[in-house]
Amino acid sequence: MFVQMVSGAATCFYAFVGFDIIATSGEESSKPTKHVPVAIVSTLVICLIAYVAVSSLLTLLVPWNKLAGSAALPNAFAQVRLIIIRLSIDHNNVFLCF
């Protein structure tokens, strides 16, 4: 189970890779000393809120030992019989791939 948790944490870490885009866009900003730090901190806060919200949701929906190794969020909704939400997550993942 530890390997799966580390794998999930590594996958979520890619949300923070977007800071490179913010840092390189500082060259195009009119006030980079003001705009770049605000953009970086606001992006960190948004990613943190999303990560904590999804982690809390998974923790509160089903016990950790019943979570699936892959696609844990849709399977957690399926276990509590919220099939419509599971299908919407599955369909959104398919549409985001294109």
PDB file of N, CA and C in Angstrom:
ATOM      1  N   MET A   1       0.830  -1.195   0.000  1.00  0.00           N
ATOM      2  CA  MET A   1       0.000   0.000   0.000  1.00  0.00           C
ATOM      3  C   MET A   1       0.874   1.258   0.000  1.00  0.00           C
ATOM      4  N   PHE A   2       2.052   1.177   0.652  1.00  0.00           N
ATOM      5  CA  PHE A   2       2.936   2.344   0.707  1.00  0.00           C
ATOM      6  C   PHE A   2       3.399   2.741  -0.685  1.00  0.00           C
ATOM      7  N   VAL A   3       3.674   1.762  -1.535  1.00  0.00           N
ATOM      8  CA  VAL A   3       4.129   2.057  -2.896  1.00  0.00           C
ATOM      9  C   VAL A   3       3.036   2.789  -3.666  1.00  0.00           C
ATOM     10  N   GLN A   4       1.794   2.403  -3.471  1.00  0.00           N
ATOM     11  CA  GLN A   4       0.692   3.062  -4.154  1.00  0.00           C
ATOM     12  C   GLN A   4       0.512   4.495  -3.650  1.00  0.00           C
ATOM     13  N   MET A   5       0.707   4.722  -2.360  1.00  0.00           N
ATOM     14  CA  MET A   5       0.589   6.082  -1.827  1.00  0.00           C
ATOM     15  C   MET A   5       1.696   6.972  -2.377  1.00  0.00           C
ATOM     16  N   VAL A   6       2.901   6.444  -2.461  1.00  0.00           N
ATOM     17  CA  VAL A   6       4.011   7.225  -3.007  1.00  0.00           C
ATOM     18  C   VAL A   6       3.776   7.501  -4.485  1.00  0.00           C
ATOM     19  N   SER A   7       3.247   6.525  -5.193  1.00  0.00           N
ATOM     20  CA  SER A   7       2.939   6.718  -6.606  1.00  0.00           C
ATOM     21  C   SER A   7       1.883   7.803  -6.793  1.00  0.00           C
ATOM     22  N   GLY A   8       0.859   7.799  -5.942  1.00  0.00           N
ATOM     23  CA  GLY A   8      -0.167   8.846  -6.011  1.00  0.00           C
ATOM     24  C   GLY A   8       0.391  10.214  -5.677  1.00  0.00           C
ATOM     25  N   ALA A   9       1.279  10.274  -4.699  1.00  0.00           N
ATOM     26  CA  ALA A   9       1.894  11.554  -4.345  1.00  0.00           C
ATOM     27  C   ALA A   9       2.779  12.058  -5.474  1.00  0.00           C
ATOM     28  N   ALA A  10       3.486  11.159  -6.140  1.00  0.00           N
ATOM     29  CA  ALA A  10       4.328  11.563  -7.270  1.00  0.00           C
ATOM     30  C   ALA A  10       3.479  12.068  -8.426  1.00  0.00           C
ATOM     31  N   THR A  11       2.329  11.441  -8.632  1.00  0.00           N
ATOM     32  CA  THR A  11       1.439  11.895  -9.697  1.00  0.00           C
ATOM     33  C   THR A  11       0.883  13.279  -9.387  1.00  0.00           C
ATOM     34  N   CYS A  12       0.503  13.512  -8.143  1.00  0.00           N
ATOM     35  CA  CYS A  12      -0.028  14.824  -7.762  1.00  0.00           C
ATOM     36  C   CYS A  12       1.041  15.905  -7.799  1.00  0.00           C
ATOM     37  N   PHE A  13       2.290  15.505  -7.670  1.00  0.00           N
ATOM     38  CA  PHE A  13       3.377  16.487  -7.692  1.00  0.00           C
ATOM     39  C   PHE A  13       3.458  17.187  -9.033  1.00  0.00           C
ATOM     40  N   TYR A  14       2.995  16.551 -10.106  1.00  0.00           N
ATOM     41  CA  TYR A  14       3.061  17.175 -11.416  1.00  0.00           C
ATOM     42  C   TYR A  14       2.196  18.428 -11.498  1.00  0.00           C
ATOM     43  N   ALA A  15       1.275  18.603 -10.584  1.00  0.00           N
ATOM     44  CA  ALA A  15       0.495  19.842 -10.553  1.00  0.00           C
ATOM     45  C   ALA A  15       1.392  21.032 -10.270  1.00  0.00           C
ATOM     46  N   PHE A  16       2.483  20.787  -9.558  1.00  0.00           N
ATOM     47  CA  PHE A  16       3.392  21.867  -9.203  1.00  0.00           C
ATOM     48  C   PHE A  16       4.405  22.175 -10.303  1.00  0.00           C
ATOM     49  N   VAL A  17       4.450  21.345 -11.329  1.00  0.00           N
ATOM     50  CA  VAL A  17       5.379  21.590 -12.428  1.00  0.00           C
ATOM     51  C   VAL A  17       4.966  22.848 -13.203  1.00  0.00           C
ATOM     52  N   GLY A  18       3.735  23.228 -13.108  1.00  0.00           N
ATOM     53  CA  GLY A  18       3.255  24.417 -13.801  1.00  0.00           C
ATOM     54  C   GLY A  18       3.922  25.699 -13.354  1.00  0.00           C
ATOM     55  N   PHE A  19       4.650  25.653 -12.250  1.00  0.00           N
ATOM     56  CA  PHE A  19       5.354  26.854 -11.800  1.00  0.00           C
ATOM     57  C   PHE A  19       6.421  27.278 -12.798  1.00  0.00           C
ATOM     58  N   ASP A  20       6.940  26.337 -13.548  1.00  0.00           N
ATOM     59  CA  ASP A  20       7.933  26.684 -14.563  1.00  0.00           C
ATOM     60  C   ASP A  20       7.328  27.618 -15.597  1.00  0.00           C
ATOM     61  N   ILE A  21       6.098  27.379 -15.937  1.00  0.00           N
ATOM     62  CA  ILE A  21       5.410  28.246 -16.901  1.00  0.00           C
ATOM     63  C   ILE A  21       5.245  29.642 -16.317  1.00  0.00           C
ATOM     64  N   ILE A  22       4.898  29.703 -15.045  1.00  0.00           N
ATOM     65  CA  ILE A  22       4.730  31.005 -14.399  1.00  0.00           C
ATOM     66  C   ILE A  22       6.057  31.744 -14.336  1.00  0.00           C
ATOM     67  N   ALA A  23       7.109  31.031 -14.008  1.00  0.00           N
ATOM     68  CA  ALA A  23       8.420  31.668 -13.893  1.00  0.00           C
ATOM     69  C   ALA A  23       8.908  32.187 -15.239  1.00  0.00           C
ATOM     70  N   THR A  24       8.696  31.434 -16.304  1.00  0.00           N
ATOM     71  CA  THR A  24       9.141  31.905 -17.616  1.00  0.00           C
ATOM     72  C   THR A  24       8.248  33.019 -18.145  1.00  0.00           C
ATOM     73  N   SER A  25       7.020  33.072 -17.695  1.00  0.00           N
ATOM     74  CA  SER A  25       6.152  34.162 -18.151  1.00  0.00           C
ATOM     75  C   SER A  25       6.480  35.476 -17.450  1.00  0.00           C
ATOM     76  N   GLY A  26       7.344  35.421 -16.446  1.00  0.00           N
ATOM     77  CA  GLY A  26       7.767  36.652 -15.770  1.00  0.00           C
ATOM     78  C   GLY A  26       8.510  37.594 -16.693  1.00  0.00           C
ATOM     79  N   GLU A  27       9.112  37.048 -17.732  1.00  0.00           N
ATOM     80  CA  GLU A  27       9.799  37.896 -18.694  1.00  0.00           C
ATOM     81  C   GLU A  27       8.827  38.753 -19.485  1.00  0.00           C
ATOM     82  N   GLU A  28       7.605  38.296 -19.613  1.00  0.00           N
ATOM     83  CA  GLU A  28       6.609  39.019 -20.402  1.00  0.00           C
ATOM     84  C   GLU A  28       5.718  39.915 -19.550  1.00  0.00           C
ATOM     85  N   SER A  29       5.869  39.860 -18.253  1.00  0.00           N
ATOM     86  CA  SER A  29       5.021  40.632 -17.353  1.00  0.00           C
ATOM     87  C   SER A  29       5.478  42.081 -17.283  1.00  0.00           C
ATOM     88  N   SER A  30       4.512  42.966 -17.048  1.00  0.00           N
ATOM     89  CA  SER A  30       4.859  44.385 -16.928  1.00  0.00           C
ATOM     90  C   SER A  30       5.539  44.687 -15.586  1.00  0.00           C
ATOM     91  N   LYS A  31       5.126  44.002 -14.524  1.00  0.00           N
ATOM     92  CA  LYS A  31       5.734  44.160 -13.199  1.00  0.00           C
ATOM     93  C   LYS A  31       6.080  42.765 -12.661  1.00  0.00           C
ATOM     94  N   PRO A  32       7.180  42.166 -13.130  1.00  0.00           N
ATOM     95  CA  PRO A  32       7.471  40.789 -12.722  1.00  0.00           C
ATOM     96  C   PRO A  32       7.771  40.634 -11.236  1.00  0.00           C
ATOM     97  N   THR A  33       8.301  41.660 -10.598  1.00  0.00           N
ATOM     98  CA  THR A  33       8.603  41.530  -9.170  1.00  0.00           C
ATOM     99  C   THR A  33       7.339  41.433  -8.323  1.00  0.00           C
ATOM    100  N   LYS A  34       6.235  41.925  -8.859  1.00  0.00           N
ATOM    101  CA  LYS A  34       4.965  41.859  -8.134  1.00  0.00           C
ATOM    102  C   LYS A  34       4.109  40.687  -8.621  1.00  0.00           C
ATOM    103  N   HIS A  35       4.015  40.500  -9.928  1.00  0.00           N
ATOM    104  CA  HIS A  35       3.079  39.531 -10.492  1.00  0.00           C
ATOM    105  C   HIS A  35       3.533  38.082 -10.337  1.00  0.00           C
ATOM    106  N   VAL A  36       4.822  37.813 -10.495  1.00  0.00           N
ATOM    107  CA  VAL A  36       5.290  36.431 -10.432  1.00  0.00           C
ATOM    108  C   VAL A  36       5.120  35.827  -9.034  1.00  0.00           C
ATOM    109  N   PRO A  37       5.520  36.498  -7.955  1.00  0.00           N
ATOM    110  CA  PRO A  37       5.279  35.900  -6.633  1.00  0.00           C
ATOM    111  C   PRO A  37       3.797  35.695  -6.314  1.00  0.00           C
ATOM    112  N   VAL A  38       2.968  36.627  -6.738  1.00  0.00           N
ATOM    113  CA  VAL A  38       1.527  36.479  -6.500  1.00  0.00           C
ATOM    114  C   VAL A  38       0.996  35.275  -7.274  1.00  0.00           C
ATOM    115  N   ALA A  39       1.447  35.102  -8.498  1.00  0.00           N
ATOM    116  CA  ALA A  39       0.995  33.966  -9.307  1.00  0.00           C
ATOM    117  C   ALA A  39       1.475  32.648  -8.710  1.00  0.00           C
ATOM    118  N   ILE A  40       2.710  32.607  -8.246  1.00  0.00           N
ATOM    119  CA  ILE A  40       3.246  31.373  -7.675  1.00  0.00           C
ATOM    120  C   ILE A  40       2.515  31.005  -6.393  1.00  0.00           C
ATOM    121  N   VAL A  41       2.325  31.965  -5.520  1.00  0.00           N
ATOM    122  CA  VAL A  41       1.642  31.672  -4.247  1.00  0.00           C
ATOM    123  C   VAL A  41       0.181  31.299  -4.490  1.00  0.00           C
ATOM    124  N   SER A  42      -0.492  31.982  -5.385  1.00  0.00           N
ATOM    125  CA  SER A  42      -1.895  31.655  -5.642  1.00  0.00           C
ATOM    126  C   SER A  42      -2.023  30.272  -6.282  1.00  0.00           C
ATOM    127  N   THR A  43      -1.094  29.910  -7.156  1.00  0.00           N
ATOM    128  CA  THR A  43      -1.128  28.576  -7.742  1.00  0.00           C
ATOM    129  C   THR A  43      -0.867  27.511  -6.689  1.00  0.00           C
ATOM    130  N   LEU A  44       0.079  27.772  -5.792  1.00  0.00           N
ATOM    131  CA  LEU A  44       0.340  26.832  -4.694  1.00  0.00           C
ATOM    132  C   LEU A  44      -0.896  26.640  -3.827  1.00  0.00           C
ATOM    133  N   VAL A  45      -1.569  27.720  -3.516  1.00  0.00           N
ATOM    134  CA  VAL A  45      -2.761  27.642  -2.671  1.00  0.00           C
ATOM    135  C   VAL A  45      -3.868  26.864  -3.371  1.00  0.00           C
ATOM    136  N   ILE A  46      -4.062  27.105  -4.663  1.00  0.00           N
ATOM    137  CA  ILE A  46      -5.098  26.390  -5.411  1.00  0.00           C
ATOM    138  C   ILE A  46      -4.793  24.899  -5.468  1.00  0.00           C
ATOM    139  N   CYS A  47      -3.539  24.545  -5.748  1.00  0.00           N
ATOM    140  CA  CYS A  47      -3.150  23.128  -5.790  1.00  0.00           C
ATOM    141  C   CYS A  47      -3.291  22.481  -4.426  1.00  0.00           C
ATOM    142  N   LEU A  48      -2.928  23.199  -3.374  1.00  0.00           N
ATOM    143  CA  LEU A  48      -3.042  22.660  -2.021  1.00  0.00           C
ATOM    144  C   LEU A  48      -4.496  22.404  -1.658  1.00  0.00           C
ATOM    145  N   ILE A  49      -5.358  23.344  -1.968  1.00  0.00           N
ATOM    146  CA  ILE A  49      -6.783  23.182  -1.664  1.00  0.00           C
ATOM    147  C   ILE A  49      -7.367  22.002  -2.435  1.00  0.00           C
ATOM    148  N   ALA A  50      -7.014  21.873  -3.712  1.00  0.00           N
ATOM    149  CA  ALA A  50      -7.523  20.754  -4.505  1.00  0.00           C
ATOM    150  C   ALA A  50      -7.012  19.422  -3.967  1.00  0.00           C
ATOM    151  N   TYR A  51      -5.738  19.365  -3.626  1.00  0.00           N
ATOM    152  CA  TYR A  51      -5.147  18.119  -3.112  1.00  0.00           C
ATOM    153  C   TYR A  51      -5.776  17.723  -1.781  1.00  0.00           C
ATOM    154  N   VAL A  52      -5.917  18.682  -0.868  1.00  0.00           N
ATOM    155  CA  VAL A  52      -6.502  18.388   0.443  1.00  0.00           C
ATOM    156  C   VAL A  52      -7.976  18.007   0.297  1.00  0.00           C
ATOM    157  N   ALA A  53      -8.687  18.659  -0.611  1.00  0.00           N
ATOM    158  CA  ALA A  53     -10.103  18.345  -0.800  1.00  0.00           C
ATOM    159  C   ALA A  53     -10.291  16.927  -1.321  1.00  0.00           C
ATOM    160  N   VAL A  54      -9.513  16.535  -2.320  1.00  0.00           N
ATOM    161  CA  VAL A  54      -9.652  15.191  -2.879  1.00  0.00           C
ATOM    162  C   VAL A  54      -9.198  14.142  -1.866  1.00  0.00           C
ATOM    163  N   SER A  55      -8.109  14.405  -1.166  1.00  0.00           N
ATOM    164  CA  SER A  55      -7.635  13.452  -0.155  1.00  0.00           C
ATOM    165  C   SER A  55      -8.643  13.296   0.975  1.00  0.00           C
ATOM    166  N   SER A  56      -9.216  14.394   1.417  1.00  0.00           N
ATOM    167  CA  SER A  56     -10.226  14.331   2.479  1.00  0.00           C
ATOM    168  C   SER A  56     -11.474  13.602   2.005  1.00  0.00           C
ATOM    169  N   LEU A  57     -11.866  13.867   0.788  1.00  0.00           N
ATOM    170  CA  LEU A  57     -13.039  13.202   0.236  1.00  0.00           C
ATOM    171  C   LEU A  57     -12.835  11.698   0.183  1.00  0.00           C
ATOM    172  N   LEU A  58     -11.687  11.277  -0.306  1.00  0.00           N
ATOM    173  CA  LEU A  58     -11.415   9.841  -0.362  1.00  0.00           C
ATOM    174  C   LEU A  58     -11.368   9.219   1.030  1.00  0.00           C
ATOM    175  N   THR A  59     -10.758   9.932   1.959  1.00  0.00           N
ATOM    176  CA  THR A  59     -10.637   9.410   3.317  1.00  0.00           C
ATOM    177  C   THR A  59     -12.002   9.286   3.986  1.00  0.00           C
ATOM    178  N   LEU A  60     -12.873  10.227   3.734  1.00  0.00           N
ATOM    179  CA  LEU A  60     -14.191  10.206   4.374  1.00  0.00           C
ATOM    180  C   LEU A  60     -15.185   9.279   3.678  1.00  0.00           C
ATOM    181  N   LEU A  61     -14.969   8.991   2.388  1.00  0.00           N
ATOM    182  CA  LEU A  61     -15.915   8.135   1.669  1.00  0.00           C
ATOM    183  C   LEU A  61     -15.759   6.664   2.017  1.00  0.00           C
ATOM    184  N   VAL A  62     -14.544   6.157   1.899  1.00  0.00           N
ATOM    185  CA  VAL A  62     -14.308   4.729   2.117  1.00  0.00           C
ATOM    186  C   VAL A  62     -13.052   4.538   2.952  1.00  0.00           C
ATOM    187  N   PRO A  63     -12.924   3.405   3.635  1.00  0.00           N
ATOM    188  CA  PRO A  63     -11.687   3.135   4.370  1.00  0.00           C
ATOM    189  C   PRO A  63     -10.498   3.018   3.410  1.00  0.00           C
ATOM    190  N   TRP A  64      -9.315   3.333   3.897  1.00  0.00           N
ATOM    191  CA  TRP A  64      -8.142   3.357   3.031  1.00  0.00           C
ATOM    192  C   TRP A  64      -7.807   1.983   2.472  1.00  0.00           C
ATOM    193  N   ASN A  65      -8.119   0.927   3.197  1.00  0.00           N
ATOM    194  CA  ASN A  65      -7.771  -0.402   2.706  1.00  0.00           C
ATOM    195  C   ASN A  65      -8.721  -0.906   1.633  1.00  0.00           C
ATOM    196  N   LYS A  66      -9.805  -0.191   1.379  1.00  0.00           N
ATOM    197  CA  LYS A  66     -10.738  -0.575   0.318  1.00  0.00           C
ATOM    198  C   LYS A  66     -10.589   0.289  -0.928  1.00  0.00           C
ATOM    199  N   LEU A  67      -9.611   1.199  -0.923  1.00  0.00           N
ATOM    200  CA  LEU A  67      -9.377   2.027  -2.101  1.00  0.00           C
ATOM    201  C   LEU A  67      -8.677   1.205  -3.177  1.00  0.00           C
ATOM    202  N   ALA A  68      -9.054   1.441  -4.414  1.00  0.00           N
ATOM    203  CA  ALA A  68      -8.415   0.752  -5.531  1.00  0.00           C
ATOM    204  C   ALA A  68      -7.044   1.359  -5.782  1.00  0.00           C
ATOM    205  N   GLY A  69      -6.139   0.549  -6.300  1.00  0.00           N
ATOM    206  CA  GLY A  69      -4.796   1.037  -6.590  1.00  0.00           C
ATOM    207  C   GLY A  69      -4.791   2.055  -7.712  1.00  0.00           C
ATOM    208  N   SER A  70      -5.580   1.823  -8.723  1.00  0.00           N
ATOM    209  CA  SER A  70      -5.687   2.779  -9.817  1.00  0.00           C
ATOM    210  C   SER A  70      -7.145   3.243  -9.895  1.00  0.00           C
ATOM    211  N   ALA A  71      -7.323   4.470 -10.271  1.00  0.00           N
ATOM    212  CA  ALA A  71      -8.655   5.082 -10.368  1.00  0.00           C
ATOM    213  C   ALA A  71      -9.386   5.018  -9.030  1.00  0.00           C
ATOM    214  N   ALA A  72      -8.723   5.486  -7.990  1.00  0.00           N
ATOM    215  CA  ALA A  72      -9.301   5.403  -6.647  1.00  0.00           C
ATOM    216  C   ALA A  72     -10.535   6.281  -6.489  1.00  0.00           C
ATOM    217  N   LEU A  73     -10.523   7.459  -7.083  1.00  0.00           N
ATOM    218  CA  LEU A  73     -11.655   8.378  -6.907  1.00  0.00           C
ATOM    219  C   LEU A  73     -12.943   7.839  -7.533  1.00  0.00           C
ATOM    220  N   PRO A  74     -12.942   7.417  -8.801  1.00  0.00           N
ATOM    221  CA  PRO A  74     -14.186   6.854  -9.338  1.00  0.00           C
ATOM    222  C   PRO A  74     -14.646   5.587  -8.612  1.00  0.00           C
ATOM    223  N   ASN A  75     -13.683   4.741  -8.221  1.00  0.00           N
ATOM    224  CA  ASN A  75     -14.067   3.521  -7.517  1.00  0.00           C
ATOM    225  C   ASN A  75     -14.621   3.813  -6.126  1.00  0.00           C
ATOM    226  N   ALA A  76     -14.140   4.863  -5.489  1.00  0.00           N
ATOM    227  CA  ALA A  76     -14.684   5.243  -4.184  1.00  0.00           C
ATOM    228  C   ALA A  76     -16.137   5.681  -4.320  1.00  0.00           C
ATOM    229  N   PHE A  77     -16.452   6.434  -5.365  1.00  0.00           N
ATOM    230  CA  PHE A  77     -17.841   6.830  -5.589  1.00  0.00           C
ATOM    231  C   PHE A  77     -18.708   5.625  -5.941  1.00  0.00           C
ATOM    232  N   ALA A  78     -18.139   4.663  -6.644  1.00  0.00           N
ATOM    233  CA  ALA A  78     -18.908   3.455  -6.973  1.00  0.00           C
ATOM    234  C   ALA A  78     -19.196   2.637  -5.724  1.00  0.00           C
ATOM    235  N   GLN A  79     -18.269   2.604  -4.777  1.00  0.00           N
ATOM    236  CA  GLN A  79     -18.476   1.833  -3.557  1.00  0.00           C
ATOM    237  C   GLN A  79     -19.588   2.403  -2.681  1.00  0.00           C
ATOM    238  N   VAL A  80     -19.798   3.712  -2.752  1.00  0.00           N
ATOM    239  CA  VAL A  80     -20.881   4.314  -1.971  1.00  0.00           C
ATOM    240  C   VAL A  80     -22.127   4.541  -2.825  1.00  0.00           C
ATOM    241  N   ARG A  81     -22.142   3.899  -3.981  1.00  0.00           N
ATOM    242  CA  ARG A  81     -23.289   3.874  -4.900  1.00  0.00           C
ATOM    243  C   ARG A  81     -23.657   5.256  -5.449  1.00  0.00           C
ATOM    244  N   LEU A  82     -22.664   6.050  -5.751  1.00  0.00           N
ATOM    245  CA  LEU A  82     -22.875   7.323  -6.443  1.00  0.00           C
ATOM    246  C   LEU A  82     -22.366   7.166  -7.872  1.00  0.00           C
ATOM    247  N   ILE A  83     -23.108   6.378  -8.638  1.00  0.00           N
ATOM    248  CA  ILE A  83     -22.668   5.979  -9.969  1.00  0.00           C
ATOM    249  C   ILE A  83     -22.625   7.175 -10.928  1.00  0.00           C
ATOM    250  N   ILE A  84     -23.541   8.111 -10.779  1.00  0.00           N
ATOM    251  CA  ILE A  84     -23.567   9.270 -11.687  1.00  0.00           C
ATOM    252  C   ILE A  84     -22.290  10.088 -11.545  1.00  0.00           C
ATOM    253  N   ILE A  85     -21.827  10.277 -10.322  1.00  0.00           N
ATOM    254  CA  ILE A  85     -20.588  11.034 -10.107  1.00  0.00           C
ATOM    255  C   ILE A  85     -19.406  10.241 -10.649  1.00  0.00           C
ATOM    256  N   ARG A  86     -19.407   8.939 -10.448  1.00  0.00           N
ATOM    257  CA  ARG A  86     -18.316   8.116 -10.984  1.00  0.00           C
ATOM    258  C   ARG A  86     -18.260   8.223 -12.499  1.00  0.00           C
ATOM    259  N   LEU A  87     -19.409   8.135 -13.164  1.00  0.00           N
ATOM    260  CA  LEU A  87     -19.425   8.224 -14.621  1.00  0.00           C
ATOM    261  C   LEU A  87     -18.977   9.589 -15.109  1.00  0.00           C
ATOM    262  N   SER A  88     -19.355  10.643 -14.377  1.00  0.00           N
ATOM    263  CA  SER A  88     -18.924  11.976 -14.809  1.00  0.00           C
ATOM    264  C   SER A  88     -17.405  12.137 -14.668  1.00  0.00           C
ATOM    265  N   ILE A  89     -16.826  11.555 -13.615  1.00  0.00           N
ATOM    266  CA  ILE A  89     -15.366  11.601 -13.470  1.00  0.00           C
ATOM    267  C   ILE A  89     -14.696  10.798 -14.580  1.00  0.00           C
ATOM    268  N   ASP A  90     -15.232   9.627 -14.872  1.00  0.00           N
ATOM    269  CA  ASP A  90     -14.658   8.807 -15.942  1.00  0.00           C
ATOM    270  C   ASP A  90     -14.732   9.514 -17.287  1.00  0.00           C
ATOM    271  N   HIS A  91     -15.877  10.106 -17.581  1.00  0.00           N
ATOM    272  CA  HIS A  91     -16.036  10.796 -18.876  1.00  0.00           C
ATOM    273  C   HIS A  91     -15.146  12.036 -18.955  1.00  0.00           C
ATOM    274  N   ASN A  92     -15.027  12.764 -17.862  1.00  0.00           N
ATOM    275  CA  ASN A  92     -14.146  13.939 -17.877  1.00  0.00           C
ATOM    276  C   ASN A  92     -12.694  13.539 -18.086  1.00  0.00           C
ATOM    277  N   ASN A  93     -12.272  12.431 -17.514  1.00  0.00           N
ATOM    278  CA  ASN A  93     -10.910  11.972 -17.739  1.00  0.00           C
ATOM    279  C   ASN A  93     -10.684  11.622 -19.203  1.00  0.00           C
ATOM    280  N   VAL A  94     -11.676  11.030 -19.835  1.00  0.00           N
ATOM    281  CA  VAL A  94     -11.538  10.678 -21.249  1.00  0.00           C
ATOM    282  C   VAL A  94     -11.466  11.948 -22.083  1.00  0.00           C
ATOM    283  N   PHE A  95     -12.304  12.938 -21.790  1.00  0.00           N
ATOM    284  CA  PHE A  95     -12.320  14.166 -22.585  1.00  0.00           C
ATOM    285  C   PHE A  95     -11.068  15.001 -22.365  1.00  0.00           C
ATOM    286  N   LEU A  96     -10.496  14.963 -21.156  1.00  0.00           N
ATOM    287  CA  LEU A  96      -9.297  15.727 -20.893  1.00  0.00           C
ATOM    288  C   LEU A  96      -8.068  15.148 -21.586  1.00  0.00           C
ATOM    289  N   CYS A  97      -8.143  13.895 -21.968  1.00  0.00           N
ATOM    290  CA  CYS A  97      -7.002  13.266 -22.661  1.00  0.00           C
ATOM    291  C   CYS A  97      -6.884  13.753 -24.099  1.00  0.00           C
ATOM    292  N   PHE A  98      -7.916  14.320 -24.645  1.00  0.00           N
ATOM    293  CA  PHE A  98      -7.865  14.751 -26.044  1.00  0.00           C
ATOM    294  C   PHE A  98      -7.635  16.187 -26.154  1.00  0.00           C
TER     295      PHE A  98
END
